Amino acid sequence: MSTSKTHRRGHEEKNLKGKLAQRSSSFHSSIPMTMAPQAELRRPKTLPDLLSGRSVFGLLVEGGPQLTKLLLNLTVQRSLGPVQVVMSPDSTVGDLIMAALRQYAKEGRLFQL
């Protein structure tokens, strides 16, 4: 009789395949016959107003302070480092570009466009 490791591994693999099939069957939404049906789990309500008509985000924004200015770190390609630009939240991308170019000129950096 052969008692090599490969012979023993083959027997274990057959048992593992059967166990894995039973375990993965719940993942594929088929209920095995050996398991008794359980009641559905009750999930806690962590944010009960999530689906109501009111906006939870709107309440948080209204109660907090409004943003007056933004500090942006802007890096231009082929430059040594970022430039810090202070802008209002209502500014456009064009305003950001103009402010960055002014900051580059103010710092005495050379930029290539």
PDB file of N, CA and C in Angstrom:
ATOM      1  N   MET A   1       0.834  -1.184   0.000  1.00  0.00           N
ATOM      2  CA  MET A   1       0.000   0.000   0.000  1.00  0.00           C
ATOM      3  C   MET A   1       0.871   1.236   0.000  1.00  0.00           C
ATOM      4  N   SER A   2       0.433   2.204  -0.732  1.00  0.00           N
ATOM      5  CA  SER A   2       1.188   3.437  -0.855  1.00  0.00           C
ATOM      6  C   SER A   2       0.667   4.457   0.157  1.00  0.00           C
ATOM      7  N   THR A   3       1.596   5.045   0.905  1.00  0.00           N
ATOM      8  CA  THR A   3       1.214   6.088   1.871  1.00  0.00           C
ATOM      9  C   THR A   3       1.962   7.373   1.547  1.00  0.00           C
ATOM     10  N   SER A   4       2.145   7.633   0.298  1.00  0.00           N
ATOM     11  CA  SER A   4       2.873   8.838  -0.086  1.00  0.00           C
ATOM     12  C   SER A   4       2.022  10.078   0.194  1.00  0.00           C
ATOM     13  N   LYS A   5       2.690  11.225   0.217  1.00  0.00           N
ATOM     14  CA  LYS A   5       1.994  12.475   0.525  1.00  0.00           C
ATOM     15  C   LYS A   5       0.991  12.834  -0.561  1.00  0.00           C
ATOM     16  N   THR A   6       1.306  12.529  -1.802  1.00  0.00           N
ATOM     17  CA  THR A   6       0.385  12.869  -2.883  1.00  0.00           C
ATOM     18  C   THR A   6      -0.905  12.071  -2.761  1.00  0.00           C
ATOM     19  N   HIS A   7      -0.800  10.833  -2.324  1.00  0.00           N
ATOM     20  CA  HIS A   7      -1.996  10.013  -2.161  1.00  0.00           C
ATOM     21  C   HIS A   7      -2.893  10.609  -1.067  1.00  0.00           C
ATOM     22  N   ARG A   8      -2.280  11.045   0.020  1.00  0.00           N
ATOM     23  CA  ARG A   8      -3.051  11.632   1.121  1.00  0.00           C
ATOM     24  C   ARG A   8      -3.648  12.984   0.718  1.00  0.00           C
ATOM     25  N   ARG A   9      -2.914  13.777  -0.041  1.00  0.00           N
ATOM     26  CA  ARG A   9      -3.418  15.085  -0.466  1.00  0.00           C
ATOM     27  C   ARG A   9      -4.638  14.938  -1.374  1.00  0.00           C
ATOM     28  N   GLY A  10      -4.614  13.967  -2.239  1.00  0.00           N
ATOM     29  CA  GLY A  10      -5.741  13.773  -3.142  1.00  0.00           C
ATOM     30  C   GLY A  10      -7.018  13.476  -2.381  1.00  0.00           C
ATOM     31  N   HIS A  11      -6.924  12.709  -1.306  1.00  0.00           N
ATOM     32  CA  HIS A  11      -8.096  12.382  -0.498  1.00  0.00           C
ATOM     33  C   HIS A  11      -8.619  13.640   0.216  1.00  0.00           C
ATOM     34  N   GLU A  12      -7.705  14.479   0.708  1.00  0.00           N
ATOM     35  CA  GLU A  12      -8.113  15.705   1.401  1.00  0.00           C
ATOM     36  C   GLU A  12      -8.748  16.694   0.434  1.00  0.00           C
ATOM     37  N   GLU A  13      -8.227  16.761  -0.789  1.00  0.00           N
ATOM     38  CA  GLU A  13      -8.773  17.697  -1.763  1.00  0.00           C
ATOM     39  C   GLU A  13     -10.214  17.352  -2.106  1.00  0.00           C
ATOM     40  N   LYS A  14     -10.538  16.064  -2.181  1.00  0.00           N
ATOM     41  CA  LYS A  14     -11.911  15.667  -2.470  1.00  0.00           C
ATOM     42  C   LYS A  14     -12.837  16.122  -1.354  1.00  0.00           C
ATOM     43  N   ASN A  15     -12.400  15.981  -0.107  1.00  0.00           N
ATOM     44  CA  ASN A  15     -13.223  16.422   1.018  1.00  0.00           C
ATOM     45  C   ASN A  15     -13.378  17.941   1.028  1.00  0.00           C
ATOM     46  N   LEU A  16     -12.297  18.656   0.711  1.00  0.00           N
ATOM     47  CA  LEU A  16     -12.365  20.112   0.708  1.00  0.00           C
ATOM     48  C   LEU A  16     -13.293  20.620  -0.386  1.00  0.00           C
ATOM     49  N   LYS A  17     -13.292  19.959  -1.534  1.00  0.00           N
ATOM     50  CA  LYS A  17     -14.159  20.397  -2.619  1.00  0.00           C
ATOM     51  C   LYS A  17     -15.625  20.296  -2.215  1.00  0.00           C
ATOM     52  N   GLY A  18     -15.980  19.252  -1.509  1.00  0.00           N
ATOM     53  CA  GLY A  18     -17.357  19.108  -1.044  1.00  0.00           C
ATOM     54  C   GLY A  18     -17.723  20.185  -0.045  1.00  0.00           C
ATOM     55  N   LYS A  19     -16.818  20.511   0.865  1.00  0.00           N
ATOM     56  CA  LYS A  19     -17.083  21.538   1.873  1.00  0.00           C
ATOM     57  C   LYS A  19     -17.173  22.914   1.230  1.00  0.00           C
ATOM     58  N   LEU A  20     -16.296  23.179   0.258  1.00  0.00           N
ATOM     59  CA  LEU A  20     -16.318  24.478  -0.398  1.00  0.00           C
ATOM     60  C   LEU A  20     -17.594  24.664  -1.201  1.00  0.00           C
ATOM     61  N   ALA A  21     -18.088  23.605  -1.805  1.00  0.00           N
ATOM     62  CA  ALA A  21     -19.319  23.717  -2.578  1.00  0.00           C
ATOM     63  C   ALA A  21     -20.484  24.066  -1.667  1.00  0.00           C
ATOM     64  N   GLN A  22     -20.511  23.490  -0.458  1.00  0.00           N
ATOM     65  CA  GLN A  22     -21.583  23.810   0.482  1.00  0.00           C
ATOM     66  C   GLN A  22     -21.472  25.249   0.964  1.00  0.00           C
ATOM     67  N   ARG A  23     -20.274  25.705   1.215  1.00  0.00           N
ATOM     68  CA  ARG A  23     -20.084  27.062   1.715  1.00  0.00           C
ATOM     69  C   ARG A  23     -20.417  28.099   0.646  1.00  0.00           C
ATOM     70  N   SER A  24     -19.999  27.859  -0.582  1.00  0.00           N
ATOM     71  CA  SER A  24     -20.200  28.854  -1.627  1.00  0.00           C
ATOM     72  C   SER A  24     -21.621  28.853  -2.168  1.00  0.00           C
ATOM     73  N   SER A  25     -22.414  27.857  -1.825  1.00  0.00           N
ATOM     74  CA  SER A  25     -23.771  27.829  -2.354  1.00  0.00           C
ATOM     75  C   SER A  25     -24.598  28.985  -1.815  1.00  0.00           C
ATOM     76  N   SER A  26     -24.321  29.466  -0.607  1.00  0.00           N
ATOM     77  CA  SER A  26     -25.068  30.607  -0.084  1.00  0.00           C
ATOM     78  C   SER A  26     -24.699  31.877  -0.844  1.00  0.00           C
ATOM     79  N   PHE A  27     -23.498  31.928  -1.364  1.00  0.00           N
ATOM     80  CA  PHE A  27     -23.075  33.094  -2.138  1.00  0.00           C
ATOM     81  C   PHE A  27     -23.844  33.182  -3.450  1.00  0.00           C
ATOM     82  N   HIS A  28     -24.171  32.047  -4.013  1.00  0.00           N
ATOM     83  CA  HIS A  28     -24.876  32.009  -5.292  1.00  0.00           C
ATOM     84  C   HIS A  28     -26.386  31.953  -5.090  1.00  0.00           C
ATOM     85  N   SER A  29     -26.855  32.263  -3.927  1.00  0.00           N
ATOM     86  CA  SER A  29     -28.258  32.401  -3.540  1.00  0.00           C
ATOM     87  C   SER A  29     -29.067  31.117  -3.667  1.00  0.00           C
ATOM     88  N   SER A  30     -28.440  29.974  -3.658  1.00  0.00           N
ATOM     89  CA  SER A  30     -29.208  28.742  -3.578  1.00  0.00           C
ATOM     90  C   SER A  30     -29.059  28.199  -2.160  1.00  0.00           C
ATOM     91  N   ILE A  31     -30.167  27.886  -1.529  1.00  0.00           N
ATOM     92  CA  ILE A  31     -30.145  27.438  -0.137  1.00  0.00           C
ATOM     93  C   ILE A  31     -29.998  25.924  -0.132  1.00  0.00           C
ATOM     94  N   PRO A  32     -28.960  25.413   0.503  1.00  0.00           N
ATOM     95  CA  PRO A  32     -28.805  23.964   0.564  1.00  0.00           C
ATOM     96  C   PRO A  32     -29.903  23.351   1.435  1.00  0.00           C
ATOM     97  N   MET A  33     -30.241  22.113   1.168  1.00  0.00           N
ATOM     98  CA  MET A  33     -31.313  21.434   1.885  1.00  0.00           C
ATOM     99  C   MET A  33     -30.936  21.136   3.329  1.00  0.00           C
ATOM    100  N   THR A  34     -29.640  21.055   3.639  1.00  0.00           N
ATOM    101  CA  THR A  34     -29.219  20.705   4.991  1.00  0.00           C
ATOM    102  C   THR A  34     -29.379  21.866   5.961  1.00  0.00           C
ATOM    103  N   MET A  35     -29.425  23.087   5.456  1.00  0.00           N
ATOM    104  CA  MET A  35     -29.537  24.246   6.334  1.00  0.00           C
ATOM    105  C   MET A  35     -31.001  24.558   6.603  1.00  0.00           C
ATOM    106  N   ALA A  36     -31.317  24.835   7.841  1.00  0.00           N
ATOM    107  CA  ALA A  36     -32.680  25.214   8.203  1.00  0.00           C
ATOM    108  C   ALA A  36     -32.889  26.680   7.847  1.00  0.00           C
ATOM    109  N   PRO A  37     -34.057  27.054   7.387  1.00  0.00           N
ATOM    110  CA  PRO A  37     -34.284  28.463   7.055  1.00  0.00           C
ATOM    111  C   PRO A  37     -34.248  29.319   8.319  1.00  0.00           C
ATOM    112  N   GLN A  38     -33.529  30.413   8.243  1.00  0.00           N
ATOM    113  CA  GLN A  38     -33.402  31.312   9.384  1.00  0.00           C
ATOM    114  C   GLN A  38     -34.209  32.570   9.116  1.00  0.00           C
ATOM    115  N   ALA A  39     -34.584  33.229  10.181  1.00  0.00           N
ATOM    116  CA  ALA A  39     -35.299  34.490  10.034  1.00  0.00           C
ATOM    117  C   ALA A  39     -34.350  35.539   9.466  1.00  0.00           C
ATOM    118  N   GLU A  40     -34.905  36.496   8.757  1.00  0.00           N
ATOM    119  CA  GLU A  40     -34.084  37.544   8.160  1.00  0.00           C
ATOM    120  C   GLU A  40     -33.467  38.399   9.260  1.00  0.00           C
ATOM    121  N   LEU A  41     -32.193  38.736   9.088  1.00  0.00           N
ATOM    122  CA  LEU A  41     -31.503  39.541  10.090  1.00  0.00           C
ATOM    123  C   LEU A  41     -32.040  40.962  10.081  1.00  0.00           C
ATOM    124  N   ARG A  42     -32.255  41.504  11.252  1.00  0.00           N
ATOM    125  CA  ARG A  42     -32.705  42.881  11.379  1.00  0.00           C
ATOM    126  C   ARG A  42     -31.486  43.779  11.396  1.00  0.00           C
ATOM    127  N   ARG A  43     -31.443  44.732  10.504  1.00  0.00           N
ATOM    128  CA  ARG A  43     -30.308  45.637  10.414  1.00  0.00           C
ATOM    129  C   ARG A  43     -30.625  46.918  11.174  1.00  0.00           C
ATOM    130  N   PRO A  44     -29.639  47.457  11.903  1.00  0.00           N
ATOM    131  CA  PRO A  44     -29.892  48.693  12.653  1.00  0.00           C
ATOM    132  C   PRO A  44     -30.032  49.880  11.712  1.00  0.00           C
ATOM    133  N   LYS A  45     -30.857  50.820  12.101  1.00  0.00           N
ATOM    134  CA  LYS A  45     -31.041  52.036  11.308  1.00  0.00           C
ATOM    135  C   LYS A  45     -30.075  53.082  11.834  1.00  0.00           C
ATOM    136  N   THR A  46     -28.993  53.284  11.123  1.00  0.00           N
ATOM    137  CA  THR A  46     -27.986  54.240  11.571  1.00  0.00           C
ATOM    138  C   THR A  46     -28.318  55.653  11.139  1.00  0.00           C
ATOM    139  N   LEU A  47     -29.024  55.813  10.036  1.00  0.00           N
ATOM    140  CA  LEU A  47     -29.407  57.130   9.556  1.00  0.00           C
ATOM    141  C   LEU A  47     -30.859  57.040   9.080  1.00  0.00           C
ATOM    142  N   PRO A  48     -31.830  57.188   9.988  1.00  0.00           N
ATOM    143  CA  PRO A  48     -33.224  56.947   9.621  1.00  0.00           C
ATOM    144  C   PRO A  48     -33.774  57.945   8.614  1.00  0.00           C
ATOM    145  N   ASP A  49     -33.227  59.155   8.514  1.00  0.00           N
ATOM    146  CA  ASP A  49     -33.746  60.160   7.591  1.00  0.00           C
ATOM    147  C   ASP A  49     -33.099  60.085   6.215  1.00  0.00           C
ATOM    148  N   LEU A  50     -32.448  58.993   5.907  1.00  0.00           N
ATOM    149  CA  LEU A  50     -31.719  58.887   4.651  1.00  0.00           C
ATOM    150  C   LEU A  50     -32.649  58.962   3.442  1.00  0.00           C
ATOM    151  N   LEU A  51     -33.789  58.307   3.522  1.00  0.00           N
ATOM    152  CA  LEU A  51     -34.690  58.259   2.378  1.00  0.00           C
ATOM    153  C   LEU A  51     -35.868  59.216   2.513  1.00  0.00           C
ATOM    154  N   SER A  52     -35.878  60.026   3.529  1.00  0.00           N
ATOM    155  CA  SER A  52     -36.980  60.972   3.697  1.00  0.00           C
ATOM    156  C   SER A  52     -36.822  62.133   2.720  1.00  0.00           C
ATOM    157  N   GLY A  53     -37.791  63.027   2.686  1.00  0.00           N
ATOM    158  CA  GLY A  53     -37.773  64.146   1.753  1.00  0.00           C
ATOM    159  C   GLY A  53     -36.710  65.174   2.076  1.00  0.00           C
ATOM    160  N   ARG A  54     -36.297  65.258   3.330  1.00  0.00           N
ATOM    161  CA  ARG A  54     -35.308  66.263   3.707  1.00  0.00           C
ATOM    162  C   ARG A  54     -33.910  65.803   3.327  1.00  0.00           C
ATOM    163  N   SER A  55     -33.064  66.750   3.044  1.00  0.00           N
ATOM    164  CA  SER A  55     -31.676  66.453   2.707  1.00  0.00           C
ATOM    165  C   SER A  55     -30.815  66.597   3.954  1.00  0.00           C
ATOM    166  N   VAL A  56     -30.160  65.526   4.358  1.00  0.00           N
ATOM    167  CA  VAL A  56     -29.288  65.570   5.527  1.00  0.00           C
ATOM    168  C   VAL A  56     -28.073  66.430   5.223  1.00  0.00           C
ATOM    169  N   PHE A  57     -27.576  66.355   3.978  1.00  0.00           N
ATOM    170  CA  PHE A  57     -26.411  67.150   3.601  1.00  0.00           C
ATOM    171  C   PHE A  57     -26.732  68.637   3.670  1.00  0.00           C
ATOM    172  N   GLY A  58     -27.938  69.013   3.269  1.00  0.00           N
ATOM    173  CA  GLY A  58     -28.347  70.413   3.315  1.00  0.00           C
ATOM    174  C   GLY A  58     -28.359  70.953   4.732  1.00  0.00           C
ATOM    175  N   LEU A  59     -28.732  70.119   5.691  1.00  0.00           N
ATOM    176  CA  LEU A  59     -28.739  70.554   7.087  1.00  0.00           C
ATOM    177  C   LEU A  59     -27.327  70.797   7.590  1.00  0.00           C
ATOM    178  N   LEU A  60     -26.403  69.957   7.164  1.00  0.00           N
ATOM    179  CA  LEU A  60     -25.023  70.116   7.612  1.00  0.00           C
ATOM    180  C   LEU A  60     -24.388  71.364   7.020  1.00  0.00           C
ATOM    181  N   VAL A  61     -24.680  71.662   5.759  1.00  0.00           N
ATOM    182  CA  VAL A  61     -24.076  72.814   5.095  1.00  0.00           C
ATOM    183  C   VAL A  61     -24.664  74.115   5.627  1.00  0.00           C
ATOM    184  N   GLU A  62     -25.980  74.140   5.840  1.00  0.00           N
ATOM    185  CA  GLU A  62     -26.625  75.362   6.302  1.00  0.00           C
ATOM    186  C   GLU A  62     -26.158  75.756   7.695  1.00  0.00           C
ATOM    187  N   GLY A  63     -25.940  74.777   8.564  1.00  0.00           N
ATOM    188  CA  GLY A  63     -25.562  75.077   9.933  1.00  0.00           C
ATOM    189  C   GLY A  63     -24.112  75.483  10.079  1.00  0.00           C
ATOM    190  N   GLY A  64     -23.256  75.073   9.165  1.00  0.00           N
ATOM    191  CA  GLY A  64     -21.826  75.342   9.273  1.00  0.00           C
ATOM    192  C   GLY A  64     -21.442  76.643   8.609  1.00  0.00           C
ATOM    193  N   PRO A  65     -20.201  77.053   8.774  1.00  0.00           N
ATOM    194  CA  PRO A  65     -19.741  78.298   8.155  1.00  0.00           C
ATOM    195  C   PRO A  65     -19.589  78.139   6.642  1.00  0.00           C
ATOM    196  N   GLN A  66     -19.806  79.217   5.929  1.00  0.00           N
ATOM    197  CA  GLN A  66     -19.661  79.230   4.475  1.00  0.00           C
ATOM    198  C   GLN A  66     -18.191  79.403   4.106  1.00  0.00           C
ATOM    199  N   LEU A  67     -17.777  78.766   3.019  1.00  0.00           N
ATOM    200  CA  LEU A  67     -16.415  78.944   2.541  1.00  0.00           C
ATOM    201  C   LEU A  67     -16.281  80.327   1.909  1.00  0.00           C
ATOM    202  N   THR A  68     -15.256  81.052   2.305  1.00  0.00           N
ATOM    203  CA  THR A  68     -15.044  82.371   1.718  1.00  0.00           C
ATOM    204  C   THR A  68     -13.899  82.354   0.729  1.00  0.00           C
ATOM    205  N   LYS A  69     -12.869  81.554   0.996  1.00  0.00           N
ATOM    206  CA  LYS A  69     -11.731  81.462   0.079  1.00  0.00           C
ATOM    207  C   LYS A  69     -11.172  80.046   0.109  1.00  0.00           C
ATOM    208  N   LEU A  70     -10.529  79.670  -0.979  1.00  0.00           N
ATOM    209  CA  LEU A  70      -9.885  78.364  -1.100  1.00  0.00           C
ATOM    210  C   LEU A  70      -8.399  78.561  -1.322  1.00  0.00           C
ATOM    211  N   LEU A  71      -7.594  77.744  -0.671  1.00  0.00           N
ATOM    212  CA  LEU A  71      -6.155  77.738  -0.903  1.00  0.00           C
ATOM    213  C   LEU A  71      -5.852  76.525  -1.769  1.00  0.00           C
ATOM    214  N   LEU A  72      -5.377  76.760  -2.984  1.00  0.00           N
ATOM    215  CA  LEU A  72      -5.107  75.687  -3.939  1.00  0.00           C
ATOM    216  C   LEU A  72      -3.615  75.584  -4.200  1.00  0.00           C
ATOM    217  N   ASN A  73      -3.104  74.375  -4.209  1.00  0.00           N
ATOM    218  CA  ASN A  73      -1.727  74.117  -4.626  1.00  0.00           C
ATOM    219  C   ASN A  73      -1.780  73.695  -6.085  1.00  0.00           C
ATOM    220  N   LEU A  74      -1.191  74.485  -6.947  1.00  0.00           N
ATOM    221  CA  LEU A  74      -1.260  74.259  -8.382  1.00  0.00           C
ATOM    222  C   LEU A  74       0.138  73.970  -8.909  1.00  0.00           C
ATOM    223  N   THR A  75       0.295  72.847  -9.586  1.00  0.00           N
ATOM    224  CA  THR A  75       1.583  72.488 -10.175  1.00  0.00           C
ATOM    225  C   THR A  75       1.471  72.560 -11.687  1.00  0.00           C
ATOM    226  N   VAL A  76       2.337  73.338 -12.301  1.00  0.00           N
ATOM    227  CA  VAL A  76       2.380  73.456 -13.754  1.00  0.00           C
ATOM    228  C   VAL A  76       3.425  72.470 -14.254  1.00  0.00           C
ATOM    229  N   GLN A  77       3.148  71.844 -15.390  1.00  0.00           N
ATOM    230  CA  GLN A  77       4.097  70.878 -15.938  1.00  0.00           C
ATOM    231  C   GLN A  77       5.448  71.539 -16.181  1.00  0.00           C
ATOM    232  N   ARG A  78       6.499  70.785 -15.934  1.00  0.00           N
ATOM    233  CA  ARG A  78       7.894  71.196 -16.104  1.00  0.00           C
ATOM    234  C   ARG A  78       8.278  72.368 -15.201  1.00  0.00           C
ATOM    235  N   SER A  79       7.622  72.506 -14.056  1.00  0.00           N
ATOM    236  CA  SER A  79       8.020  73.537 -13.097  1.00  0.00           C
ATOM    237  C   SER A  79       8.626  72.852 -11.875  1.00  0.00           C
ATOM    238  N   LEU A  80       9.324  73.620 -11.066  1.00  0.00           N
ATOM    239  CA  LEU A  80      10.030  73.046  -9.927  1.00  0.00           C
ATOM    240  C   LEU A  80       9.099  72.610  -8.808  1.00  0.00           C
ATOM    241  N   GLY A  81       8.067  73.337  -8.565  1.00  0.00           N
ATOM    242  CA  GLY A  81       7.179  72.995  -7.462  1.00  0.00           C
ATOM    243  C   GLY A  81       5.830  73.659  -7.606  1.00  0.00           C
ATOM    244  N   PRO A  82       4.931  73.374  -6.681  1.00  0.00           N
ATOM    245  CA  PRO A  82       3.588  73.946  -6.780  1.00  0.00           C
ATOM    246  C   PRO A  82       3.551  75.415  -6.379  1.00  0.00           C
ATOM    247  N   VAL A  83       2.531  76.087  -6.853  1.00  0.00           N
ATOM    248  CA  VAL A  83       2.271  77.482  -6.512  1.00  0.00           C
ATOM    249  C   VAL A  83       0.992  77.501  -5.694  1.00  0.00           C
ATOM    250  N   GLN A  84       0.980  78.256  -4.610  1.00  0.00           N
ATOM    251  CA  GLN A  84      -0.226  78.373  -3.806  1.00  0.00           C
ATOM    252  C   GLN A  84      -1.027  79.578  -4.270  1.00  0.00           C
ATOM    253  N   VAL A  85      -2.296  79.332  -4.575  1.00  0.00           N
ATOM    254  CA  VAL A  85      -3.180  80.373  -5.082  1.00  0.00           C
ATOM    255  C   VAL A  85      -4.406  80.426  -4.178  1.00  0.00           C
ATOM    256  N   VAL A  86      -4.779  81.629  -3.745  1.00  0.00           N
ATOM    257  CA  VAL A  86      -5.981  81.822  -2.937  1.00  0.00           C
ATOM    258  C   VAL A  86      -7.078  82.341  -3.855  1.00  0.00           C
ATOM    259  N   MET A  87      -8.233  81.632  -3.863  1.00  0.00           N
ATOM    260  CA  MET A  87      -9.329  81.981  -4.775  1.00  0.00           C
ATOM    261  C   MET A  87     -10.656  81.882  -4.041  1.00  0.00           C
ATOM    262  N   SER A  88     -11.671  82.505  -4.601  1.00  0.00           N
ATOM    263  CA  SER A  88     -13.025  82.366  -4.062  1.00  0.00           C
ATOM    264  C   SER A  88     -13.656  81.107  -4.663  1.00  0.00           C
ATOM    265  N   PRO A  89     -14.629  80.506  -3.993  1.00  0.00           N
ATOM    266  CA  PRO A  89     -15.255  79.289  -4.523  1.00  0.00           C
ATOM    267  C   PRO A  89     -16.029  79.517  -5.821  1.00  0.00           C
ATOM    268  N   ASP A  90     -16.390  80.755  -6.119  1.00  0.00           N
ATOM    269  CA  ASP A  90     -17.156  81.049  -7.329  1.00  0.00           C
ATOM    270  C   ASP A  90     -16.279  81.239  -8.560  1.00  0.00           C
ATOM    271  N   SER A  91     -14.974  81.163  -8.419  1.00  0.00           N
ATOM    272  CA  SER A  91     -14.057  81.407  -9.533  1.00  0.00           C
ATOM    273  C   SER A  91     -14.131  80.297 -10.565  1.00  0.00           C
ATOM    274  N   THR A  92     -13.778  80.648 -11.793  1.00  0.00           N
ATOM    275  CA  THR A  92     -13.772  79.677 -12.885  1.00  0.00           C
ATOM    276  C   THR A  92     -12.350  79.168 -13.106  1.00  0.00           C
ATOM    277  N   VAL A  93     -12.205  78.231 -14.032  1.00  0.00           N
ATOM    278  CA  VAL A  93     -10.889  77.686 -14.352  1.00  0.00           C
ATOM    279  C   VAL A  93     -10.007  78.769 -14.968  1.00  0.00           C
ATOM    280  N   GLY A  94     -10.600  79.621 -15.781  1.00  0.00           N
ATOM    281  CA  GLY A  94      -9.843  80.728 -16.377  1.00  0.00           C
ATOM    282  C   GLY A  94      -9.286  81.661 -15.313  1.00  0.00           C
ATOM    283  N   ASP A  95     -10.097  81.928 -14.276  1.00  0.00           N
ATOM    284  CA  ASP A  95      -9.622  82.759 -13.165  1.00  0.00           C
ATOM    285  C   ASP A  95      -8.459  82.090 -12.444  1.00  0.00           C
ATOM    286  N   LEU A  96      -8.531  80.772 -12.286  1.00  0.00           N
ATOM    287  CA  LEU A  96      -7.457  80.027 -11.632  1.00  0.00           C
ATOM    288  C   LEU A  96      -6.170  80.109 -12.445  1.00  0.00           C
ATOM    289  N   ILE A  97      -6.273  79.989 -13.757  1.00  0.00           N
ATOM    290  CA  ILE A  97      -5.085  80.065 -14.618  1.00  0.00           C
ATOM    291  C   ILE A  97      -4.452  81.443 -14.535  1.00  0.00           C
ATOM    292  N   MET A  98      -5.285  82.482 -14.597  1.00  0.00           N
ATOM    293  CA  MET A  98      -4.757  83.852 -14.516  1.00  0.00           C
ATOM    294  C   MET A  98      -4.087  84.110 -13.164  1.00  0.00           C
ATOM    295  N   ALA A  99      -4.693  83.627 -12.087  1.00  0.00           N
ATOM    296  CA  ALA A  99      -4.108  83.826 -10.758  1.00  0.00           C
ATOM    297  C   ALA A  99      -2.790  83.068 -10.629  1.00  0.00           C
ATOM    298  N   ALA A 100      -2.714  81.866 -11.209  1.00  0.00           N
ATOM    299  CA  ALA A 100      -1.477  81.088 -11.147  1.00  0.00           C
ATOM    300  C   ALA A 100      -0.367  81.777 -11.935  1.00  0.00           C
ATOM    301  N   LEU A 101      -0.690  82.317 -13.116  1.00  0.00           N
ATOM    302  CA  LEU A 101       0.322  83.021 -13.911  1.00  0.00           C
ATOM    303  C   LEU A 101       0.803  84.282 -13.198  1.00  0.00           C
ATOM    304  N   ARG A 102      -0.120  84.999 -12.550  1.00  0.00           N
ATOM    305  CA  ARG A 102       0.282  86.179 -11.775  1.00  0.00           C
ATOM    306  C   ARG A 102       1.201  85.791 -10.621  1.00  0.00           C
ATOM    307  N   GLN A 103       0.897  84.659  -9.964  1.00  0.00           N
ATOM    308  CA  GLN A 103       1.721  84.204  -8.840  1.00  0.00           C
ATOM    309  C   GLN A 103       3.107  83.783  -9.332  1.00  0.00           C
ATOM    310  N   TYR A 104       3.177  83.122 -10.487  1.00  0.00           N
ATOM    311  CA  TYR A 104       4.472  82.758 -11.068  1.00  0.00           C
ATOM    312  C   TYR A 104       5.297  84.008 -11.343  1.00  0.00           C
ATOM    313  N   ALA A 105       4.672  85.029 -11.931  1.00  0.00           N
ATOM    314  CA  ALA A 105       5.389  86.274 -12.236  1.00  0.00           C
ATOM    315  C   ALA A 105       5.820  86.977 -10.951  1.00  0.00           C
ATOM    316  N   LYS A 106       4.975  86.951  -9.942  1.00  0.00           N
ATOM    317  CA  LYS A 106       5.290  87.592  -8.665  1.00  0.00           C
ATOM    318  C   LYS A 106       6.489  86.926  -8.001  1.00  0.00           C
ATOM    319  N   GLU A 107       6.583  85.590  -8.106  1.00  0.00           N
ATOM    320  CA  GLU A 107       7.696  84.855  -7.506  1.00  0.00           C
ATOM    321  C   GLU A 107       8.940  84.885  -8.384  1.00  0.00           C
ATOM    322  N   GLY A 108       8.844  85.414  -9.591  1.00  0.00           N
ATOM    323  CA  GLY A 108       9.994  85.500 -10.482  1.00  0.00           C
ATOM    324  C   GLY A 108      10.338  84.192 -11.164  1.00  0.00           C
ATOM    325  N   ARG A 109       9.396  83.296 -11.258  1.00  0.00           N
ATOM    326  CA  ARG A 109       9.634  82.016 -11.931  1.00  0.00           C
ATOM    327  C   ARG A 109       9.396  82.175 -13.424  1.00  0.00           C
ATOM    328  N   LEU A 110      10.080  81.350 -14.185  1.00  0.00           N
ATOM    329  CA  LEU A 110       9.862  81.307 -15.627  1.00  0.00           C
ATOM    330  C   LEU A 110       8.949  80.126 -15.929  1.00  0.00           C
ATOM    331  N   PHE A 111       7.950  80.339 -16.724  1.00  0.00           N
ATOM    332  CA  PHE A 111       7.058  79.258 -17.105  1.00  0.00           C
ATOM    333  C   PHE A 111       6.977  79.193 -18.619  1.00  0.00           C
ATOM    334  N   GLN A 112       6.814  77.989 -19.126  1.00  0.00           N
ATOM    335  CA  GLN A 112       6.733  77.792 -20.567  1.00  0.00           C
ATOM    336  C   GLN A 112       5.325  77.341 -20.910  1.00  0.00           C
ATOM    337  N   LEU A 113       4.693  78.086 -21.799  1.00  0.00           N
ATOM    338  CA  LEU A 113       3.342  77.706 -22.228  1.00  0.00           C
ATOM    339  C   LEU A 113       3.356  77.171 -23.628  1.00  0.00           C
TER     340      LEU A 113
END
